[in-house]
Protein backbone atom coordinates (compact mmCIF):
# COMPACT_ATOMS: atom_id res chain seq x y z
CA UNK A 1 -0.19 -0.31 0.09
CA UNK A 2 1.35 3.18 -0.81
CA UNK A 3 2.02 5.86 1.65
CA UNK A 4 -0.13 8.95 1.88
CA UNK A 5 1.73 11.78 1.59
CA UNK A 6 1.38 14.80 4.41
CA UNK A 7 -0.46 16.91 1.69
CA UNK A 8 -2.87 13.72 1.22
CA UNK A 9 -3.41 13.70 4.99
CA UNK A 10 -3.88 17.14 5.43
CA UNK A 11 -6.60 17.05 3.24
CA UNK A 12 -7.70 13.96 4.75
CA UNK A 13 -7.54 16.19 8.20
CA UNK A 14 -9.25 18.88 6.96
CA UNK A 15 -12.05 17.01 5.55
CA UNK A 16 -12.88 15.11 8.92
CA UNK A 17 -12.63 18.23 10.76
CA UNK A 18 -15.52 20.14 8.59
CA UNK A 19 -17.38 16.90 8.72
CA UNK A 20 -17.70 17.00 12.69
CA UNK A 21 -17.89 20.53 12.95
CA UNK A 22 -20.57 20.73 10.66
CA UNK A 23 -22.36 18.12 12.55
CA UNK A 24 -21.92 19.65 15.44
CA UNK A 25 -23.11 22.91 14.32
CA UNK A 26 -26.32 21.43 12.97
CA UNK A 27 -26.57 19.66 16.13
CA UNK A 28 -26.43 22.92 17.78
CA UNK A 29 -28.82 24.65 15.73
CA UNK A 30 -31.61 21.74 16.31
CA UNK A 31 -30.74 22.39 19.98
CA UNK A 32 -31.95 25.82 19.59
CA UNK A 33 -34.75 25.78 17.03
CA UNK A 34 -36.24 22.69 19.76
CA UNK A 35 -35.26 25.06 22.81
CA UNK A 36 -37.27 28.24 21.25
CA UNK A 37 -40.41 25.76 20.34
CA UNK A 38 -40.57 24.66 24.00
CA UNK A 39 -40.52 28.25 25.17
CA UNK A 40 -42.85 29.20 23.12
CA UNK A 41 -45.34 26.18 23.59
CA UNK A 42 -44.56 27.19 27.87
CA UNK A 43 -45.70 30.74 26.54
CA UNK A 44 -48.68 29.64 24.57
CA UNK A 45 -49.78 27.10 27.12
CA UNK A 46 -49.38 29.93 29.82
CA UNK A 47 -51.79 32.17 27.78
CA UNK A 48 -54.64 29.59 27.68
CA UNK A 49 -54.36 28.71 31.56
CA UNK A 50 -54.84 32.36 32.12
CA UNK A 51 -57.87 32.36 30.08
CA UNK A 52 -59.40 28.83 31.44
CA UNK A 53 -58.60 30.67 35.14
CA UNK A 54 -60.83 33.55 34.27
CA UNK A 55 -63.80 30.74 33.09
CA UNK A 56 -63.24 29.28 37.12
CA UNK A 57 -63.42 32.90 38.30
CA UNK A 58 -67.20 33.14 37.17
CA UNK A 59 -68.02 30.22 39.17
CA UNK A 60 -67.72 32.31 42.13
CA UNK A 61 -70.48 34.99 43.45
CA UNK A 62 -69.42 38.72 42.22
CA UNK A 63 -70.95 40.10 45.65
CA UNK A 64 -69.05 37.61 47.78
CA UNK A 65 -66.32 35.20 46.16
CA UNK A 66 -66.23 33.22 49.48
CA UNK A 67 -70.08 31.95 47.49
CA UNK A 68 -70.11 29.92 44.46
CA UNK A 69 -72.08 31.70 41.94
CA UNK A 70 -76.18 31.57 41.94
CA UNK A 71 -77.74 28.76 40.00
CA UNK A 72 -74.54 27.17 39.33
CA UNK A 73 -74.26 23.33 38.63
CA UNK A 74 -71.72 20.39 39.15
CA UNK A 75 -71.71 20.26 35.58
CA UNK A 76 -69.70 23.23 34.74
CA UNK A 77 -67.25 22.53 37.06
CA UNK A 78 -66.65 18.96 35.55
CA UNK A 79 -66.25 20.25 32.00
CA UNK A 80 -63.55 22.99 32.93
CA UNK A 81 -62.06 20.00 34.71
CA UNK A 82 -61.79 18.06 31.25
CA UNK A 83 -60.69 21.81 29.59
CA UNK A 84 -58.00 21.79 32.13
CA UNK A 85 -56.68 18.34 31.24
CA UNK A 86 -56.55 18.92 27.67
CA UNK A 87 -54.77 22.16 28.00
CA UNK A 88 -52.05 21.47 30.44
CA UNK A 89 -50.56 18.84 28.38
CA UNK A 90 -46.66 20.36 28.55
CA UNK A 91 -43.66 18.21 29.70
CA UNK A 92 -41.08 20.04 30.88
CA UNK A 93 -38.01 20.37 28.63
CA UNK A 94 -35.10 19.69 30.56
CA UNK A 95 -32.96 22.14 27.90
CA UNK A 96 -35.14 25.03 29.78
CA UNK A 97 -34.45 26.80 33.02
CA UNK A 98 -37.00 27.07 35.75
CA UNK A 99 -37.34 30.59 35.08
CA UNK A 100 -38.90 29.72 31.86
CA UNK A 101 -41.66 27.92 33.55
CA UNK A 102 -42.31 30.26 36.39
CA UNK A 103 -45.43 32.06 34.87
CA UNK A 104 -46.56 28.43 33.69
CA UNK A 105 -46.68 27.35 37.22
CA UNK A 106 -48.23 29.91 38.73
CA UNK A 107 -51.47 29.77 36.48
CA UNK A 108 -51.45 25.95 36.72
CA UNK A 109 -51.52 26.26 40.29
CA UNK A 110 -54.49 29.05 40.48
CA UNK A 111 -56.45 26.98 38.37
CA UNK A 112 -56.13 23.99 39.97
CA UNK A 113 -56.72 25.37 43.43
CA UNK A 114 -59.83 27.53 42.14
CA UNK A 115 -61.27 24.33 40.53
CA UNK A 116 -60.58 22.13 43.80
CA UNK A 117 -61.89 25.08 45.96
CA UNK A 118 -65.29 25.57 44.00
CA UNK A 119 -65.68 21.30 44.29
CA UNK A 120 -65.56 21.34 47.84
CA UNK A 121 -68.22 24.57 48.02
CA UNK A 122 -70.25 22.78 45.73
CA UNK A 123 -70.02 19.49 47.68
CA UNK A 124 -71.14 21.82 50.95
CA UNK A 125 -73.67 23.50 49.15
CA UNK A 126 -75.60 20.25 48.15
CA UNK A 127 -74.94 18.72 51.39
CA UNK A 128 -76.56 21.65 53.19
CA UNK A 129 -79.18 22.46 50.71
CA UNK A 130 -80.09 18.80 51.40
CA UNK A 131 -80.93 19.21 54.88
CA UNK A 132 -83.74 21.90 54.31
CA UNK A 133 -86.68 21.56 52.29
CA UNK A 134 -86.27 22.59 48.74
CA UNK A 135 -88.28 24.16 46.11
CA UNK A 136 -87.53 25.59 42.78
CA UNK A 137 -87.63 29.44 44.24
CA UNK A 138 -86.17 28.49 47.38
CA UNK A 139 -82.87 26.87 48.67
CA UNK A 140 -80.68 27.53 51.89
CA UNK A 141 -77.81 28.44 50.05
CA UNK A 142 -78.11 29.57 46.47
CA UNK A 143 -75.09 31.87 45.48
CA UNK A 144 -74.65 34.69 48.15
CA UNK A 145 -78.56 34.82 49.13
CA UNK A 146 -79.29 32.78 52.17
CA UNK A 147 -82.64 31.69 53.46
CA UNK A 148 -82.24 30.46 57.54
CA UNK A 149 -86.37 30.33 58.42
CA UNK A 150 -86.76 27.63 56.07
CA UNK A 151 -88.46 23.85 57.54
CA UNK A 152 -85.80 21.17 57.64
CA UNK A 153 -86.21 18.17 55.23
CA UNK A 154 -89.17 15.33 55.82
CA UNK A 155 -87.54 12.39 57.88
CA UNK A 156 -84.04 14.00 58.39
CA UNK A 157 -81.95 12.04 60.70
CA UNK A 158 -79.40 13.17 63.06
CA UNK A 159 -76.56 11.35 62.17
CA UNK A 160 -76.90 13.07 58.85
CA UNK A 161 -76.94 16.76 60.50
CA UNK A 162 -73.90 15.30 62.36
CA UNK A 163 -72.17 14.28 59.74
CA UNK A 164 -72.60 17.51 57.46
CA UNK A 165 -71.24 19.35 60.57
CA UNK A 166 -68.28 17.44 61.06
CA UNK A 167 -67.53 18.04 57.58
CA UNK A 168 -67.95 22.10 56.94
CA UNK A 169 -68.47 23.37 60.71
CA UNK A 170 -65.61 25.86 61.54
CA UNK A 171 -64.46 26.62 64.69
CA UNK A 172 -63.91 30.78 65.20
CA UNK A 173 -65.64 31.52 61.85
CA UNK A 174 -64.94 34.92 61.03
CA UNK A 175 -66.06 35.13 57.03
CA UNK A 176 -69.50 35.63 56.41
CA UNK A 177 -69.62 32.22 54.20
CA UNK A 178 -68.19 29.72 57.25
CA UNK A 179 -70.67 31.73 59.65
CA UNK A 180 -73.54 31.09 57.19
CA UNK A 181 -72.79 27.57 57.09
CA UNK A 182 -72.34 27.58 60.63
CA UNK A 183 -75.59 29.07 61.64
CA UNK A 184 -77.56 26.80 59.03
CA UNK A 185 -75.75 23.43 60.56
CA UNK A 186 -77.22 25.09 63.91
CA UNK A 187 -80.78 25.63 62.41
CA UNK A 188 -80.90 22.08 61.35
CA UNK A 189 -79.91 20.99 64.90
CA UNK A 190 -82.21 22.79 66.38
CA UNK A 191 -85.25 21.87 64.26
CA UNK A 192 -84.27 18.45 65.18
CA UNK A 193 -83.93 18.98 69.08
CA UNK A 194 -87.61 20.73 68.82
CA UNK A 195 -89.21 17.57 67.27
CA UNK A 196 -87.99 15.41 69.71
CA UNK A 197 -89.01 17.92 72.76
CA UNK A 198 -92.44 17.78 71.00
CA UNK A 199 -92.33 14.16 71.06
CA UNK A 200 -91.49 13.82 74.86
CA UNK A 201 -94.30 16.13 75.43
CA UNK A 202 -97.05 13.89 73.40
CA UNK A 203 -96.07 11.02 75.04
CA UNK A 204 -97.30 11.94 78.03
CA UNK A 205 -100.90 12.10 76.67
CA UNK A 206 -100.67 9.41 73.98
CA UNK A 207 -98.30 6.69 73.79
CA UNK A 208 -98.24 3.29 72.11
CA UNK A 209 -101.25 4.06 69.83
CA UNK A 210 -103.63 5.09 72.70
CA UNK A 211 -104.46 8.34 74.77
CA UNK A 212 -102.95 7.92 77.92
CA UNK A 213 -104.14 11.33 79.76
CA UNK A 214 -106.83 13.97 78.79
CA UNK A 215 -105.02 16.24 81.78
CA UNK A 216 -105.56 19.38 79.70
CA UNK A 217 -102.12 21.20 80.93
CA UNK A 218 -99.99 18.26 79.63
CA UNK A 219 -102.40 18.76 76.16
CA UNK A 220 -101.59 22.28 76.30
CA UNK A 221 -97.79 21.91 76.66
CA UNK A 222 -97.96 19.09 73.96
CA UNK A 223 -99.85 21.06 71.50
CA UNK A 224 -97.76 24.47 72.08
CA UNK A 225 -94.51 22.27 71.54
CA UNK A 226 -95.59 20.57 68.42
CA UNK A 227 -97.01 24.20 66.94
CA UNK A 228 -93.26 25.23 66.93
CA UNK A 229 -92.40 22.55 64.94
CA UNK A 230 -91.45 23.93 61.15
CA UNK A 231 -91.56 20.81 59.33
CA UNK A 232 -95.10 19.83 58.06
CA UNK A 233 -94.99 16.42 57.75
CA UNK A 234 -93.35 15.79 61.65
CA UNK A 235 -95.89 18.43 62.91
CA UNK A 236 -98.71 17.04 61.22
CA UNK A 237 -97.95 13.33 63.06
CA UNK A 238 -97.92 14.93 66.16
CA UNK A 239 -101.09 16.84 65.63
CA UNK A 240 -102.95 14.05 64.43
CA UNK A 241 -102.31 12.10 67.87
CA UNK A 242 -103.38 15.12 69.75
CA UNK A 243 -106.44 15.62 67.78
CA UNK A 244 -107.46 12.23 69.34
CA UNK A 245 -106.66 13.25 72.66
CA UNK A 246 -108.89 16.42 72.92
CA UNK A 247 -111.54 14.46 71.32
CA UNK A 248 -111.37 12.36 74.20
CA UNK A 249 -111.24 15.75 76.16
CA UNK A 250 -113.96 17.11 75.00
CA UNK A 251 -115.75 13.98 75.19
CA UNK A 252 -114.91 13.60 79.04
CA UNK A 253 -116.01 17.53 79.49
CA UNK A 254 -119.36 16.62 78.26
CA UNK A 255 -119.67 13.70 80.04
CA UNK A 256 -118.70 15.66 83.26
CA UNK A 257 -121.11 18.50 82.69
CA UNK A 258 -124.02 16.02 82.25
CA UNK A 259 -123.06 14.50 85.76
CA UNK A 260 -122.79 17.99 87.43
CA UNK A 261 -125.78 18.64 85.75
CA UNK A 262 -127.76 15.66 86.84
CA UNK A 263 -126.46 16.22 90.53
CA UNK A 264 -127.48 19.80 90.76
CA UNK A 265 -131.03 18.84 89.49
CA UNK A 266 -131.10 15.82 92.32
CA UNK A 267 -129.78 18.50 94.97
CA UNK A 268 -132.67 20.56 94.07
CA UNK A 269 -135.04 18.29 94.47
CA UNK A 270 -133.91 16.61 97.66
CA UNK A 271 -133.92 20.13 99.21
CA UNK A 272 -137.69 20.94 97.55
CA UNK A 273 -139.12 17.46 99.31
CA UNK A 274 -137.28 18.06 102.67
CA UNK A 275 -138.95 21.37 103.59
CA UNK A 276 -142.74 21.09 102.80
CA UNK A 277 -143.44 22.29 106.00
CA UNK A 278 -141.68 25.40 105.15
CA UNK A 279 -143.23 25.44 102.12
CA UNK A 280 -146.70 25.32 103.92
CA UNK A 281 -146.24 27.96 106.46
CA UNK A 282 -145.11 30.00 103.37
CA UNK A 283 -148.61 29.49 101.62
CA UNK A 284 -150.54 30.04 105.12
CA UNK A 285 -148.50 33.07 105.52
CA UNK A 286 -149.56 34.65 102.34
CA UNK A 287 -153.16 34.02 102.78
CA UNK A 288 -153.01 35.86 106.45
CA UNK A 289 -151.57 38.58 104.56
CA UNK A 290 -154.23 38.90 101.66
CA UNK A 291 -156.78 38.51 104.47
CA UNK A 292 -155.26 41.46 106.54
CA UNK A 293 -155.69 43.50 103.05
CA UNK A 294 -159.06 43.04 103.04
CA UNK A 295 -160.64 39.25 102.52
CA UNK A 296 -160.98 38.96 106.56
CA UNK A 297 -164.42 37.99 107.95
CA UNK A 298 -166.77 40.26 108.67
CA UNK A 299 -166.43 41.65 112.41
CA UNK A 300 -168.74 40.13 114.78
CA UNK A 301 -171.96 42.09 115.52
CA UNK A 302 -174.45 41.44 118.38
CA UNK A 303 -172.87 38.16 119.04
CA UNK A 304 -173.17 36.25 115.66
CA UNK A 305 -170.60 36.48 112.62
CA UNK A 306 -171.27 38.44 109.17
CA UNK A 307 -170.75 35.25 107.29
CA UNK A 308 -172.44 31.66 108.20
CA UNK A 309 -174.51 33.32 111.46
CA UNK A 310 -172.91 31.59 114.30
CA UNK A 311 -173.08 32.94 117.55
CA UNK A 312 -170.09 34.53 119.26
CA UNK A 313 -170.55 35.22 122.88
CA UNK A 314 -170.59 38.96 123.70
CA UNK A 315 -167.18 40.36 124.89
CA UNK A 316 -167.34 40.31 128.37
CA UNK A 317 -166.07 43.81 130.57
CA UNK A 318 -162.48 43.39 131.73
CA UNK A 319 -163.16 43.07 135.51
CA UNK A 320 -165.87 40.52 134.58
CA UNK A 321 -168.82 42.23 135.18
CA UNK A 322 -172.15 43.36 133.39
CA UNK A 323 -172.55 46.47 131.37
CA UNK A 324 -175.87 46.73 130.48
CA UNK A 325 -177.34 48.38 127.86
CA UNK A 326 -178.19 51.61 127.91
CA UNK A 327 -182.09 52.87 128.53
CA UNK A 328 -183.62 55.33 126.58
CA UNK A 329 -182.86 57.97 129.15
CA UNK A 330 -179.34 57.09 128.60
CA UNK A 331 -178.99 59.56 126.45
CA UNK A 332 -175.45 60.50 125.31
CA UNK A 333 -177.05 64.17 125.27
CA UNK A 334 -177.75 64.82 121.69
CA UNK A 335 -181.67 63.60 122.13
CA UNK A 336 -181.07 60.30 120.06
CA UNK A 337 -181.37 57.11 121.13
CA UNK A 338 -178.17 55.08 120.78
CA UNK A 339 -178.29 51.69 118.38
CA UNK A 340 -178.93 49.00 121.49
CA UNK A 341 -175.50 47.06 122.47
CA UNK A 342 -175.05 43.32 122.71
CA UNK A 343 -174.54 41.73 125.93
CA UNK A 344 -170.99 41.74 126.68
CA UNK A 345 -168.73 39.07 126.27
CA UNK A 346 -167.49 37.67 129.52
CA UNK A 347 -164.05 37.90 130.17
CA UNK A 348 -161.44 35.03 129.74
CA UNK A 349 -161.00 34.85 133.47
CA UNK A 350 -158.91 31.96 134.67
CA UNK A 351 -156.77 34.63 136.22
CA UNK A 352 -155.14 35.57 132.88
CA UNK A 353 -154.53 32.08 132.02
CA UNK A 354 -156.59 31.60 128.74
CA UNK A 355 -159.10 29.75 130.05
CA UNK A 356 -162.45 29.79 132.21
CA UNK A 357 -162.83 27.80 135.51
CA UNK A 358 -166.37 26.72 136.62
CA UNK A 359 -167.13 29.89 138.98
CA UNK A 360 -166.54 32.01 135.84
CA UNK A 361 -169.06 29.74 134.01
CA UNK A 362 -171.48 30.20 136.61
CA UNK A 363 -171.37 33.76 136.93
CA UNK A 364 -171.47 34.50 133.55
CA UNK A 365 -174.70 32.42 133.24
CA UNK A 366 -175.84 34.65 135.95
CA UNK A 367 -174.85 37.66 134.17
CA UNK A 368 -176.61 36.20 131.40
CA UNK A 369 -180.31 35.47 132.81
CA UNK A 370 -180.43 39.22 134.62
CA UNK A 371 -179.52 41.20 131.62
CA UNK A 372 -182.31 43.12 130.09
CA UNK A 373 -182.57 42.09 126.09
CA UNK A 374 -185.61 43.85 125.46
CA UNK A 375 -183.64 46.47 123.35
CA UNK A 376 -181.58 44.07 121.49
CA UNK A 377 -184.33 42.11 119.87
CA UNK A 378 -186.42 44.05 117.41
CA UNK A 379 -190.36 44.99 118.32
């Protein structure tokens, strides 16, 4: 083999050097292009993340960003999460420094944090609204609008309230959002407590499907506690039991009144039957009063009554003696003849005892025999 001359060796070395240099230069150029493309991709992705973060921010209420926007749906958050997955496809290039990724990293964190926060608040919204009655126009929390006077959901369990409270109650809350959550949780618990309190009072008058007491005070207390319940289903169940108690109370009152009326009537009849003599005495007194006013018997004249013509003895003088009738000459001074007078009735005698002795009777008979009766009878 023929040896290469120095000139030939020089040419070969030059060619090799050119080849290596070209390759290095090419490689360097390619690396620069790749880095430039990576930088542009990071820049473009960062811009997309900024726009996406604006969409995520729209999930929050404009009045108070701590609350979610009014009428928010779970699908809104789900769609933004999927969009985030499509946007954030960058795999960090080792050729780029950390400085190149600062803006990008910031936007990625902002979007992820806002989506996670929105997800948590939406879960709280769903769970807390689920504790209360809901309609198309009224829920406990809708945006920053809060209704604290809603009744709890039908058949709400205490375990459910405790679970939700454990997840969302915040001790020492200072923000309006956290205070609102705490108040709604307390509201649900208080309503459950009221139902339990009413049940205890109702059980004092109605238990195990029957009325156990018709005491009015117990009934009134049970009804007052039942009326404080906001949930209509729970209130109606207890009210139906109290209605049965009220029916028995009214029935008992009616029976008691009937018995009282009968007792009063019987007592009145017994009193009337026990005093017939008093009634007769009153009647006699009434009759006597009528006689004194003009219906009494005619006065006795000449020894006879004016009614049946029966004889009544003339009244005797007080000294038991006889008072003879006046003669024609015994005028009183007027010149006229006075009407004849009946013999006076003998006195009662008997020494004022109201009865006559035999001596009195004999004296009366003697006086009557000696009396002048000529002027007494018509001529």
